[in-house]
Amino acid sequence: MMPRPLLILIVLIVILAGGLFALASLDREVPQVRVERPLSNEAAK
């Protein structure tokens, strides 16, 4: 059995890593949406 402080540290690290990955994926998705909108507008013309 691991001491509780170690478990708390591991849980916090996992949560922080998950949050960073979520932010990184959002930052990657936003530019793609910006690029797709002008293309769809040009296709509509």
PDB file of N, CA and C in Angstrom:
ATOM      1  N   MET A   1       0.859  -1.207   0.000  1.00  0.00           N
ATOM      2  CA  MET A   1       0.000   0.000   0.000  1.00  0.00           C
ATOM      3  C   MET A   1       0.893   1.255   0.000  1.00  0.00           C
ATOM      4  N   MET A   2       0.533   2.186  -0.859  1.00  0.00           N
ATOM      5  CA  MET A   2       1.299   3.426  -0.923  1.00  0.00           C
ATOM      6  C   MET A   2       0.757   4.412   0.111  1.00  0.00           C
ATOM      7  N   PRO A   3       1.624   5.275   0.625  1.00  0.00           N
ATOM      8  CA  PRO A   3       1.120   6.309   1.544  1.00  0.00           C
ATOM      9  C   PRO A   3       0.170   7.249   0.827  1.00  0.00           C
ATOM     10  N   ARG A   4      -0.768   7.807   1.570  1.00  0.00           N
ATOM     11  CA  ARG A   4      -1.792   8.654   0.943  1.00  0.00           C
ATOM     12  C   ARG A   4      -1.212   9.875   0.226  1.00  0.00           C
ATOM     13  N   PRO A   5      -0.209  10.567   0.769  1.00  0.00           N
ATOM     14  CA  PRO A   5       0.333  11.737   0.051  1.00  0.00           C
ATOM     15  C   PRO A   5       0.798  11.371  -1.348  1.00  0.00           C
ATOM     16  N   LEU A   6       1.377  10.180  -1.506  1.00  0.00           N
ATOM     17  CA  LEU A   6       1.841   9.755  -2.829  1.00  0.00           C
ATOM     18  C   LEU A   6       0.644   9.563  -3.759  1.00  0.00           C
ATOM     19  N   LEU A   7      -0.423   8.945  -3.246  1.00  0.00           N
ATOM     20  CA  LEU A   7      -1.625   8.753  -4.068  1.00  0.00           C
ATOM     21  C   LEU A   7      -2.203  10.098  -4.491  1.00  0.00           C
ATOM     22  N   ILE A   8      -2.254  11.048  -3.553  1.00  0.00           N
ATOM     23  CA  ILE A   8      -2.808  12.373  -3.878  1.00  0.00           C
ATOM     24  C   ILE A   8      -1.953  13.040  -4.951  1.00  0.00           C
ATOM     25  N   LEU A   9      -0.626  12.930  -4.829  1.00  0.00           N
ATOM     26  CA  LEU A   9       0.270  13.528  -5.832  1.00  0.00           C
ATOM     27  C   LEU A   9       0.018  12.910  -7.199  1.00  0.00           C
ATOM     28  N   ILE A  10      -0.096  11.585  -7.259  1.00  0.00           N
ATOM     29  CA  ILE A  10      -0.321  10.903  -8.541  1.00  0.00           C
ATOM     30  C   ILE A  10      -1.641  11.358  -9.152  1.00  0.00           C
ATOM     31  N   VAL A  11      -2.685  11.445  -8.333  1.00  0.00           N
ATOM     32  CA  VAL A  11      -3.998  11.870  -8.847  1.00  0.00           C
ATOM     33  C   VAL A  11      -3.918  13.291  -9.394  1.00  0.00           C
ATOM     34  N   LEU A  12      -3.247  14.189  -8.659  1.00  0.00           N
ATOM     35  CA  LEU A  12      -3.125  15.578  -9.124  1.00  0.00           C
ATOM     36  C   LEU A  12      -2.359  15.637 -10.442  1.00  0.00           C
ATOM     37  N   ILE A  13      -1.284  14.861 -10.562  1.00  0.00           N
ATOM     38  CA  ILE A  13      -0.488  14.863 -11.800  1.00  0.00           C
ATOM     39  C   ILE A  13      -1.336  14.371 -12.966  1.00  0.00           C
ATOM     40  N   VAL A  14      -2.114  13.315 -12.740  1.00  0.00           N
ATOM     41  CA  VAL A  14      -2.963  12.780 -13.815  1.00  0.00           C
ATOM     42  C   VAL A  14      -3.991  13.822 -14.244  1.00  0.00           C
ATOM     43  N   ILE A  15      -4.604  14.503 -13.274  1.00  0.00           N
ATOM     44  CA  ILE A  15      -5.619  15.518 -13.603  1.00  0.00           C
ATOM     45  C   ILE A  15      -4.976  16.666 -14.375  1.00  0.00           C
ATOM     46  N   LEU A  16      -3.803  17.118 -13.922  1.00  0.00           N
ATOM     47  CA  LEU A  16      -3.116  18.222 -14.613  1.00  0.00           C
ATOM     48  C   LEU A  16      -2.743  17.802 -16.032  1.00  0.00           C
ATOM     49  N   ALA A  17      -2.231  16.585 -16.195  1.00  0.00           N
ATOM     50  CA  ALA A  17      -1.858  16.108 -17.526  1.00  0.00           C
ATOM     51  C   ALA A  17      -3.090  16.048 -18.422  1.00  0.00           C
ATOM     52  N   GLY A  18      -4.206  15.549 -17.898  1.00  0.00           N
ATOM     53  CA  GLY A  18      -5.442  15.487 -18.684  1.00  0.00           C
ATOM     54  C   GLY A  18      -5.901  16.872 -19.098  1.00  0.00           C
ATOM     55  N   GLY A  19      -5.813  17.831 -18.187  1.00  0.00           N
ATOM     56  CA  GLY A  19      -6.211  19.202 -18.512  1.00  0.00           C
ATOM     57  C   GLY A  19      -5.315  19.798 -19.585  1.00  0.00           C
ATOM     58  N   LEU A  20      -4.013  19.541 -19.484  1.00  0.00           N
ATOM     59  CA  LEU A  20      -3.085  20.075 -20.493  1.00  0.00           C
ATOM     60  C   LEU A  20      -3.381  19.453 -21.851  1.00  0.00           C
ATOM     61  N   PHE A  21      -3.621  18.142 -21.894  1.00  0.00           N
ATOM     62  CA  PHE A  21      -3.935  17.493 -23.170  1.00  0.00           C
ATOM     63  C   PHE A  21      -5.225  18.052 -23.753  1.00  0.00           C
ATOM     64  N   ALA A  22      -6.228  18.303 -22.916  1.00  0.00           N
ATOM     65  CA  ALA A  22      -7.496  18.861 -23.390  1.00  0.00           C
ATOM     66  C   ALA A  22      -7.269  20.255 -23.972  1.00  0.00           C
ATOM     67  N   LEU A  23      -6.485  21.082 -23.280  1.00  0.00           N
ATOM     68  CA  LEU A  23      -6.207  22.437 -23.789  1.00  0.00           C
ATOM     69  C   LEU A  23      -5.445  22.354 -25.107  1.00  0.00           C
ATOM     70  N   ALA A  24      -4.464  21.454 -25.195  1.00  0.00           N
ATOM     71  CA  ALA A  24      -3.680  21.326 -26.423  1.00  0.00           C
ATOM     72  C   ALA A  24      -4.573  20.891 -27.581  1.00  0.00           C
ATOM     73  N   SER A  25      -5.485  19.939 -27.337  1.00  0.00           N
ATOM     74  CA  SER A  25      -6.375  19.477 -28.410  1.00  0.00           C
ATOM     75  C   SER A  25      -7.313  20.607 -28.834  1.00  0.00           C
ATOM     76  N   LEU A  26      -7.783  21.423 -27.866  1.00  0.00           N
ATOM     77  CA  LEU A  26      -8.659  22.551 -28.216  1.00  0.00           C
ATOM     78  C   LEU A  26      -7.889  23.562 -29.056  1.00  0.00           C
ATOM     79  N   ASP A  27      -6.643  23.857 -28.682  1.00  0.00           N
ATOM     80  CA  ASP A  27      -5.836  24.814 -29.442  1.00  0.00           C
ATOM     81  C   ASP A  27      -5.608  24.298 -30.858  1.00  0.00           C
ATOM     82  N   ARG A  28      -5.489  22.983 -31.019  1.00  0.00           N
ATOM     83  CA  ARG A  28      -5.272  22.426 -32.361  1.00  0.00           C
ATOM     84  C   ARG A  28      -6.561  22.452 -33.172  1.00  0.00           C
ATOM     85  N   GLU A  29      -7.696  22.243 -32.521  1.00  0.00           N
ATOM     86  CA  GLU A  29      -8.967  22.181 -33.252  1.00  0.00           C
ATOM     87  C   GLU A  29      -9.426  23.559 -33.712  1.00  0.00           C
ATOM     88  N   VAL A  30      -9.172  24.602 -32.929  1.00  0.00           N
ATOM     89  CA  VAL A  30      -9.671  25.942 -33.268  1.00  0.00           C
ATOM     90  C   VAL A  30      -9.128  26.430 -34.609  1.00  0.00           C
ATOM     91  N   PRO A  31      -7.803  26.360 -34.874  1.00  0.00           N
ATOM     92  CA  PRO A  31      -7.314  26.838 -36.180  1.00  0.00           C
ATOM     93  C   PRO A  31      -7.924  26.050 -37.336  1.00  0.00           C
ATOM     94  N   GLN A  32      -8.149  24.765 -37.161  1.00  0.00           N
ATOM     95  CA  GLN A  32      -8.749  23.964 -38.230  1.00  0.00           C
ATOM     96  C   GLN A  32     -10.144  24.484 -38.546  1.00  0.00           C
ATOM     97  N   VAL A  33     -10.915  24.837 -37.529  1.00  0.00           N
ATOM     98  CA  VAL A  33     -12.266  25.366 -37.747  1.00  0.00           C
ATOM     99  C   VAL A  33     -12.170  26.695 -38.486  1.00  0.00           C
ATOM    100  N   ARG A  34     -11.208  27.537 -38.110  1.00  0.00           N
ATOM    101  CA  ARG A  34     -11.051  28.835 -38.769  1.00  0.00           C
ATOM    102  C   ARG A  34     -10.710  28.646 -40.237  1.00  0.00           C
ATOM    103  N   VAL A  35      -9.909  27.627 -40.546  1.00  0.00           N
ATOM    104  CA  VAL A  35      -9.518  27.388 -41.944  1.00  0.00           C
ATOM    105  C   VAL A  35     -10.692  26.827 -42.732  1.00  0.00           C
ATOM    106  N   GLU A  36     -11.497  25.975 -42.096  1.00  0.00           N
ATOM    107  CA  GLU A  36     -12.602  25.339 -42.819  1.00  0.00           C
ATOM    108  C   GLU A  36     -13.702  26.340 -43.167  1.00  0.00           C
ATOM    109  N   ARG A  37     -13.941  27.326 -42.331  1.00  0.00           N
ATOM    110  CA  ARG A  37     -15.042  28.266 -42.589  1.00  0.00           C
ATOM    111  C   ARG A  37     -14.847  29.047 -43.893  1.00  0.00           C
ATOM    112  N   PRO A  38     -13.666  29.668 -44.132  1.00  0.00           N
ATOM    113  CA  PRO A  38     -13.492  30.387 -45.407  1.00  0.00           C
ATOM    114  C   PRO A  38     -13.631  29.444 -46.605  1.00  0.00           C
ATOM    115  N   LEU A  39     -13.142  28.218 -46.482  1.00  0.00           N
ATOM    116  CA  LEU A  39     -13.241  27.273 -47.598  1.00  0.00           C
ATOM    117  C   LEU A  39     -14.710  26.978 -47.896  1.00  0.00           C
ATOM    118  N   SER A  40     -15.509  26.770 -46.861  1.00  0.00           N
ATOM    119  CA  SER A  40     -16.930  26.480 -47.074  1.00  0.00           C
ATOM    120  C   SER A  40     -17.625  27.711 -47.655  1.00  0.00           C
ATOM    121  N   ASN A  41     -17.209  28.909 -47.239  1.00  0.00           N
ATOM    122  CA  ASN A  41     -17.809  30.132 -47.784  1.00  0.00           C
ATOM    123  C   ASN A  41     -17.471  30.267 -49.267  1.00  0.00           C
ATOM    124  N   GLU A  42     -16.226  29.936 -49.638  1.00  0.00           N
ATOM    125  CA  GLU A  42     -15.836  30.030 -51.047  1.00  0.00           C
ATOM    126  C   GLU A  42     -16.596  29.001 -51.872  1.00  0.00           C
ATOM    127  N   ALA A  43     -16.800  27.820 -51.316  1.00  0.00           N
ATOM    128  CA  ALA A  43     -17.529  26.778 -52.042  1.00  0.00           C
ATOM    129  C   ALA A  43     -18.981  27.212 -52.239  1.00  0.00           C
ATOM    130  N   ALA A  44     -19.536  27.927 -51.254  1.00  0.00           N
ATOM    131  CA  ALA A  44     -20.927  28.377 -51.358  1.00  0.00           C
ATOM    132  C   ALA A  44     -21.072  29.388 -52.495  1.00  0.00           C
ATOM    133  N   LYS A  45     -20.031  30.200 -52.696  1.00  0.00           N
ATOM    134  CA  LYS A  45     -20.094  31.190 -53.779  1.00  0.00           C
ATOM    135  C   LYS A  45     -20.127  30.463 -55.121  1.00  0.00           C
TER     136      LYS A  45
END
